Amino acid sequence: MSERAIGGLLVLILTLAATACGPGQQEEGQVSGRRVFLSIGTAPPGGAFFPVGGAIAEVLNERGGDRRWQVTAEATKGSQENIRRLDRGELDLALANAAITYFAVRGESGWEKDYPMRVVMTLAPNVALFITPADSAVKTIADLRGRRVVVGPAGAGFEFFVGPLLEAHGVSYDDFTPLHNTQTGAVDMLADGSAAAAFLGGAVPTASITQATTSREIRFVPFDERAMDQLTATFLFFDRATIPAGTYRGQDEPFHGLDVGSMHLIAAADRDDELIYSMTKTLYENREMVTAKHPAGRAINPKNVVRDTGTPFHPGAVRYYREIGIWPATDAAE
């Protein structure tokens, strides 16, 4: 074979290879028949993100049909890392707290730029509050002044919702000694007296609050009604939420509190519309399977899944929600 013929053959091979690996075919995982490996960023084991991400990955794999994707849930440091890694193309989907994403897409509160994140679905509410021993002098949020208070794990991003919440009550981090610990560690600090109060929460019931109320008598520090009105009017990620009476030991009355930023499933804005559409459809149509694997799957329902928390929805997800008639008339899509 002549050199010219060999050269032409090589060009043909390279052209075919490039075509076979084109972006549309890789995104779909169907056209070329190749398996596409996708990752979901979660958080460290111990919280809700890790098992919920695992449940989502399992359902996508089990119910993907001829969409030849292989989805893996990846443990990360949480929302902030997930947002940055989505932006760099190192993750395909991720779980994040809606309050953290809210500020990230706006480049506010310490974010160095506008991060182009989009919501795939709104998931379980993050119902959080300050708790304190029943015999403590802390009866209101104003009473945190001058005391040692656990405000969440270092680097977890709690400040994105705790800061505005405190401000609405006329309190700031400068008014007390903020301590950083895991939720389990915070309960231990309450038990040994090294902290006067702790900010705990998540999907209801929250394991750390259950642990705290099992070991001793606990008081839930109430939120001021006017402060809650201000927060829900100012920030879309805040929403009123009630913990039903009897949820925790010693809780005889409903606690009227706040969702301080729901868990949500997000993707980068430039992620392929067809891929996001297919994944949204698969998860929504198999939401009972998600619930069977983790109770947070109950949040995949017509009312909650499209709730606007202040971050635009991905066009691929919006297309599916419009098709099934649950997308609101006033939407959060671009």
Protein backbone atom coordinates (compact mmCIF):
# COMPACT_ATOMS: atom_id res chain seq x y z
CA MET A 1 0.00 0.00 0.00
CA SER A 2 1.34 3.43 -0.92
CA GLU A 3 2.18 6.09 1.67
CA ARG A 4 -0.63 8.25 0.29
CA ALA A 5 -3.15 5.40 0.71
CA ILE A 6 -1.93 4.68 4.25
CA GLY A 7 -2.24 8.37 5.12
CA GLY A 8 -5.78 8.49 3.75
CA LEU A 9 -6.74 5.39 5.72
CA LEU A 10 -5.40 6.92 8.95
CA VAL A 11 -7.37 10.13 8.36
CA LEU A 12 -10.53 8.05 7.81
CA ILE A 13 -9.97 6.06 11.01
CA LEU A 14 -9.37 9.19 13.06
CA THR A 15 -12.45 10.87 11.60
CA LEU A 16 -14.64 7.88 12.44
CA ALA A 17 -13.24 7.72 15.96
CA ALA A 18 -13.92 11.40 16.54
CA THR A 19 -17.47 11.02 15.25
CA ALA A 20 -18.12 8.00 17.45
CA CYS A 21 -17.00 9.94 20.53
CA GLY A 22 -18.90 13.14 19.75
CA PRO A 23 -20.45 15.06 22.67
CA GLY A 24 -24.06 14.23 21.83
CA GLN A 25 -23.38 10.51 21.71
CA GLN A 26 -21.38 10.52 24.90
CA GLU A 27 -24.07 12.48 26.72
CA GLU A 28 -26.87 10.19 25.64
CA GLY A 29 -25.06 6.93 26.17
CA GLN A 30 -27.47 5.46 23.63
CA VAL A 31 -26.41 6.39 20.10
CA SER A 32 -23.01 4.74 20.11
CA GLY A 33 -24.05 1.94 22.45
CA ARG A 34 -21.10 2.74 24.69
CA ARG A 35 -21.55 2.78 28.44
CA VAL A 36 -21.28 6.30 29.86
CA PHE A 37 -19.91 6.72 33.36
CA LEU A 38 -21.54 9.50 35.38
CA SER A 39 -20.85 10.68 38.92
CA ILE A 40 -23.04 12.29 41.59
CA GLY A 41 -21.28 14.36 44.26
CA THR A 42 -22.75 13.86 47.74
CA ALA A 43 -21.05 14.60 51.10
CA PRO A 44 -19.12 12.70 53.78
CA PRO A 45 -20.84 9.57 55.17
CA GLY A 46 -22.90 10.30 58.27
CA GLY A 47 -25.34 12.86 56.88
CA ALA A 48 -28.31 12.52 54.53
CA PHE A 49 -26.54 13.51 51.30
CA PHE A 50 -24.45 10.35 51.06
CA PRO A 51 -27.27 7.76 51.35
CA VAL A 52 -29.68 9.86 49.26
CA GLY A 53 -27.07 10.21 46.51
CA GLY A 54 -26.52 6.45 46.66
CA ALA A 55 -30.26 5.81 46.35
CA ILE A 56 -30.51 8.12 43.33
CA ALA A 57 -27.55 6.43 41.64
CA GLU A 58 -29.00 2.95 42.26
CA VAL A 59 -32.39 3.87 40.80
CA LEU A 60 -30.85 5.50 37.73
CA ASN A 61 -28.77 2.36 37.14
CA GLU A 62 -31.65 -0.05 37.77
CA ARG A 63 -34.22 1.86 35.71
CA GLY A 64 -32.07 3.41 33.01
CA GLY A 65 -33.38 1.01 30.38
CA ASP A 66 -31.45 1.31 27.12
CA ARG A 67 -29.73 4.47 28.32
CA ARG A 68 -26.34 2.93 28.83
CA TRP A 69 -25.21 5.01 31.75
CA GLN A 70 -23.41 3.81 34.86
CA VAL A 71 -23.96 6.22 37.74
CA THR A 72 -21.80 6.32 40.86
CA ALA A 73 -22.40 8.30 44.05
CA GLU A 74 -19.14 9.90 45.18
CA ALA A 75 -18.40 11.00 48.74
CA THR A 76 -17.20 14.62 48.80
CA LYS A 77 -16.86 17.40 51.36
CA GLY A 78 -20.36 18.61 50.53
CA SER A 79 -22.16 21.45 48.77
CA GLN A 80 -19.29 23.89 48.25
CA GLU A 81 -16.92 21.29 46.82
CA ASN A 82 -19.73 19.88 44.68
CA ILE A 83 -20.51 23.26 43.12
CA ARG A 84 -16.88 23.94 42.27
CA ARG A 85 -16.35 20.45 40.84
CA LEU A 86 -19.49 20.67 38.72
CA ASP A 87 -18.15 23.95 37.35
CA ARG A 88 -14.85 22.25 36.47
CA GLY A 89 -16.61 19.31 34.81
CA GLU A 90 -15.37 16.82 37.43
CA LEU A 91 -18.91 15.80 38.45
CA ASP A 92 -22.03 15.27 36.35
CA LEU A 93 -24.66 15.82 39.03
CA ALA A 94 -24.48 16.74 42.70
CA LEU A 95 -26.50 17.24 45.84
CA ALA A 96 -26.28 20.65 47.48
CA ASN A 97 -28.03 22.80 50.05
CA ALA A 98 -30.29 25.32 48.31
CA ALA A 99 -29.02 28.20 50.48
CA ILE A 100 -25.43 27.57 49.45
CA THR A 101 -26.31 27.27 45.76
CA TYR A 102 -28.42 30.45 46.00
CA PHE A 103 -25.37 32.54 46.87
CA ALA A 104 -23.03 30.62 44.54
CA VAL A 105 -25.07 31.40 41.41
CA ARG A 106 -25.01 35.08 42.38
CA GLY A 107 -21.33 35.21 43.32
CA GLU A 108 -22.25 36.56 46.75
CA SER A 109 -21.29 35.92 50.40
CA GLY A 110 -17.72 34.89 49.67
CA TRP A 111 -18.13 33.17 46.30
CA GLU A 112 -15.48 34.52 43.95
CA LYS A 113 -17.67 34.42 40.83
CA ASP A 114 -21.16 33.53 39.60
CA TYR A 115 -21.29 29.74 39.41
CA PRO A 116 -23.62 28.59 36.57
CA MET A 117 -25.53 25.90 38.47
CA ARG A 118 -29.02 24.68 37.60
CA VAL A 119 -31.57 22.67 39.58
CA VAL A 120 -32.72 19.24 38.41
CA MET A 121 -35.14 18.70 41.30
CA THR A 122 -35.84 20.10 44.76
CA LEU A 123 -35.56 17.35 47.37
CA ALA A 124 -36.00 17.02 51.15
CA PRO A 125 -36.33 20.12 53.31
CA ASN A 126 -33.54 20.88 55.76
CA VAL A 127 -35.48 21.70 58.92
CA ALA A 128 -32.96 23.10 61.39
CA LEU A 129 -33.03 24.93 64.71
CA PHE A 130 -31.08 25.74 67.85
CA ILE A 131 -31.50 23.29 70.70
CA THR A 132 -30.36 23.68 74.28
CA PRO A 133 -30.68 21.68 77.54
CA ALA A 134 -34.08 22.19 79.15
CA ASP A 135 -32.49 23.70 82.26
CA SER A 136 -30.42 26.19 80.20
CA ALA A 137 -30.85 29.95 80.44
CA VAL A 138 -31.16 30.06 76.63
CA LYS A 139 -34.86 30.61 75.94
CA THR A 140 -34.64 32.80 72.82
CA ILE A 141 -32.10 33.31 70.04
CA ALA A 142 -31.17 36.63 71.66
CA ASP A 143 -30.07 34.60 74.71
CA LEU A 144 -27.21 33.08 72.66
CA ARG A 145 -25.24 36.27 73.31
CA GLY A 146 -22.13 35.69 75.38
CA ARG A 147 -22.37 31.89 75.20
CA ARG A 148 -20.60 29.04 73.43
CA VAL A 149 -22.72 27.84 70.50
CA VAL A 150 -22.11 25.06 67.95
CA VAL A 151 -22.96 26.45 64.50
CA GLY A 152 -22.10 23.43 62.34
CA PRO A 153 -19.04 21.63 60.97
CA ALA A 154 -16.16 23.80 59.76
CA GLY A 155 -16.33 24.28 56.00
CA ALA A 156 -19.80 22.76 55.62
CA GLY A 157 -21.40 26.07 54.62
CA PHE A 158 -23.82 26.44 57.53
CA GLU A 159 -22.96 30.14 57.65
CA PHE A 160 -24.91 30.70 54.43
CA PHE A 161 -28.19 30.13 56.27
CA VAL A 162 -27.23 30.57 59.95
CA GLY A 163 -25.85 34.07 59.26
CA PRO A 164 -29.06 35.50 57.75
CA LEU A 165 -31.15 33.68 60.38
CA LEU A 166 -29.18 35.26 63.22
CA GLU A 167 -29.26 38.68 61.57
CA ALA A 168 -33.05 38.56 61.32
CA HIS A 169 -33.10 38.05 65.10
CA GLY A 170 -30.66 40.92 65.74
CA VAL A 171 -27.75 38.64 66.56
CA SER A 172 -24.41 37.99 64.83
CA TYR A 173 -21.50 35.59 65.20
CA ASP A 174 -19.64 38.35 67.04
CA ASP A 175 -22.19 38.21 69.86
CA PHE A 176 -21.22 34.69 70.99
CA THR A 177 -18.40 32.18 70.69
CA PRO A 178 -19.08 30.08 67.56
CA LEU A 179 -17.90 26.47 67.80
CA HIS A 180 -17.55 24.04 64.91
CA ASN A 181 -18.34 20.35 65.19
CA THR A 182 -20.32 17.60 63.50
CA GLN A 183 -23.93 17.21 64.54
CA THR A 184 -23.06 14.15 66.61
CA GLY A 185 -20.15 16.03 68.17
CA ALA A 186 -22.45 18.96 68.94
CA VAL A 187 -24.77 16.67 70.90
CA ASP A 188 -21.79 15.47 72.95
CA MET A 189 -20.80 19.08 73.64
CA LEU A 190 -24.29 19.83 74.93
CA ALA A 191 -24.15 16.74 77.11
CA ASP A 192 -20.81 17.63 78.75
CA GLY A 193 -21.63 21.32 79.10
CA SER A 194 -18.95 22.61 76.75
CA ALA A 195 -21.64 24.27 74.61
CA ALA A 196 -24.79 26.07 75.68
CA ALA A 197 -26.67 25.48 72.42
CA ALA A 198 -26.26 23.86 69.03
CA PHE A 199 -27.72 24.37 65.58
CA LEU A 200 -28.92 20.99 64.30
CA GLY A 201 -31.17 19.78 61.53
CA GLY A 202 -31.82 17.96 58.31
CA ALA A 203 -34.59 15.77 57.03
CA VAL A 204 -37.19 15.11 59.76
CA PRO A 205 -36.62 13.23 61.99
CA THR A 206 -32.96 14.24 62.30
CA ALA A 207 -30.76 11.59 63.92
CA SER A 208 -28.72 14.09 65.95
CA ILE A 209 -31.84 15.66 67.49
CA THR A 210 -33.25 12.21 68.23
CA GLN A 211 -29.95 11.39 69.95
CA ALA A 212 -30.03 14.62 71.97
CA THR A 213 -33.64 14.19 73.14
CA THR A 214 -33.08 10.54 74.05
CA SER A 215 -30.20 11.28 76.39
CA ARG A 216 -31.68 14.28 78.26
CA GLU A 217 -34.45 16.87 78.36
CA ILE A 218 -34.01 19.36 75.52
CA ARG A 219 -35.60 22.71 74.67
CA PHE A 220 -36.17 23.82 71.09
CA VAL A 221 -35.26 27.51 70.85
CA PRO A 222 -38.19 29.25 69.09
CA PHE A 223 -37.87 31.51 66.08
CA ASP A 224 -39.45 34.96 66.18
CA GLU A 225 -42.52 35.17 63.93
CA ARG A 226 -41.51 38.50 62.41
CA ALA A 227 -38.00 37.16 61.75
CA MET A 228 -39.43 34.16 59.91
CA ASP A 229 -41.64 36.43 57.83
CA GLN A 230 -38.62 38.55 56.94
CA LEU A 231 -36.45 35.56 56.02
CA THR A 232 -39.05 33.88 53.80
CA ALA A 233 -39.80 37.19 52.08
CA THR A 234 -36.13 37.98 51.44
CA PHE A 235 -34.66 34.59 50.52
CA LEU A 236 -36.44 32.00 48.40
CA PHE A 237 -34.53 29.15 50.02
CA PHE A 238 -36.10 29.81 53.43
CA ASP A 239 -39.53 28.26 53.88
CA ARG A 240 -41.74 27.68 56.86
CA ALA A 241 -41.74 24.10 58.14
CA THR A 242 -43.44 22.41 61.08
CA ILE A 243 -42.04 19.51 63.08
CA PRO A 244 -45.14 17.52 64.15
CA ALA A 245 -45.75 16.94 67.84
CA GLY A 246 -44.29 13.67 69.05
CA THR A 247 -41.52 13.59 66.45
CA TYR A 248 -38.94 13.69 69.24
CA ARG A 249 -39.04 12.49 72.84
CA GLY A 250 -40.51 15.15 75.08
CA GLN A 251 -41.85 17.22 72.15
CA ASP A 252 -45.51 17.52 73.08
CA GLU A 253 -46.37 20.42 70.76
CA PRO A 254 -45.70 21.09 67.06
CA PHE A 255 -42.59 23.18 66.50
CA HIS A 256 -43.10 25.93 63.95
CA GLY A 257 -39.72 26.47 62.35
CA LEU A 258 -37.89 26.83 59.08
CA ASP A 259 -36.57 24.89 56.15
CA VAL A 260 -33.21 26.65 55.97
CA GLY A 261 -32.33 25.37 52.51
CA SER A 262 -33.65 22.17 50.97
CA MET A 263 -31.41 19.47 49.62
CA HIS A 264 -31.55 19.66 45.84
CA LEU A 265 -30.07 17.85 42.87
CA ILE A 266 -28.08 20.18 40.62
CA ALA A 267 -26.03 20.17 37.42
CA ALA A 268 -23.90 22.66 35.52
CA ALA A 269 -25.94 24.97 33.26
CA ASP A 270 -24.23 23.68 30.10
CA ARG A 271 -24.97 20.01 30.82
CA ASP A 272 -26.68 18.32 27.89
CA ASP A 273 -30.45 18.98 27.92
CA GLU A 274 -31.35 15.51 26.69
CA LEU A 275 -29.30 13.80 29.38
CA ILE A 276 -30.87 15.88 32.16
CA TYR A 277 -34.34 15.29 30.69
CA SER A 278 -33.78 11.51 30.68
CA MET A 279 -32.41 11.43 34.23
CA THR A 280 -35.22 13.63 35.55
CA LYS A 281 -37.82 11.42 33.89
CA THR A 282 -36.22 8.23 35.23
CA LEU A 283 -36.05 9.50 38.81
CA TYR A 284 -39.54 11.00 38.84
CA GLU A 285 -41.21 7.96 37.32
CA ASN A 286 -39.41 5.69 39.79
CA ARG A 287 -39.71 7.92 42.86
CA GLU A 288 -41.24 5.11 44.93
CA MET A 289 -38.04 3.15 44.40
CA VAL A 290 -35.99 6.08 45.68
CA THR A 291 -38.25 6.29 48.75
CA ALA A 292 -37.86 2.57 49.38
CA LYS A 293 -34.10 3.09 49.54
CA HIS A 294 -34.23 6.33 51.60
CA PRO A 295 -37.22 8.19 53.14
CA ALA A 296 -36.04 11.47 51.59
CA GLY A 297 -37.41 10.12 48.31
CA ARG A 298 -40.86 11.22 49.51
CA ALA A 299 -39.82 14.75 48.53
CA ILE A 300 -39.95 13.71 44.85
CA ASN A 301 -43.60 14.69 44.54
CA PRO A 302 -45.49 17.06 42.21
CA LYS A 303 -45.59 19.97 44.67
CA ASN A 304 -42.08 19.86 46.10
CA VAL A 305 -39.89 18.75 43.21
CA VAL A 306 -40.45 21.98 41.25
CA ARG A 307 -40.30 24.35 44.24
CA ASP A 308 -38.30 27.48 43.46
CA THR A 309 -35.46 27.98 45.97
CA GLY A 310 -33.80 30.82 44.08
CA THR A 311 -31.62 28.88 41.62
CA PRO A 312 -32.84 28.49 38.01
CA PHE A 313 -33.91 25.03 36.87
CA HIS A 314 -32.11 23.19 34.09
CA PRO A 315 -33.98 23.38 30.75
CA GLY A 316 -33.88 19.59 30.40
CA ALA A 317 -35.68 19.18 33.73
CA VAL A 318 -38.17 21.96 32.93
CA ARG A 319 -39.06 20.24 29.66
CA TYR A 320 -40.02 17.05 31.51
CA TYR A 321 -41.99 18.85 34.25
CA ARG A 322 -43.93 20.78 31.61
CA GLU A 323 -44.71 17.57 29.74
CA ILE A 324 -46.33 16.02 32.81
CA GLY A 325 -48.12 19.25 33.77
CA ILE A 326 -46.53 20.05 37.14
CA TRP A 327 -44.39 23.04 36.12
CA PRO A 328 -45.79 26.28 37.64
CA ALA A 329 -47.02 29.08 35.42
CA THR A 330 -44.44 31.46 36.90
CA ASP A 331 -41.22 29.50 36.58
CA ALA A 332 -37.58 29.70 37.69
CA ALA A 333 -36.12 28.55 34.38
CA GLU A 334 -33.95 30.78 32.21
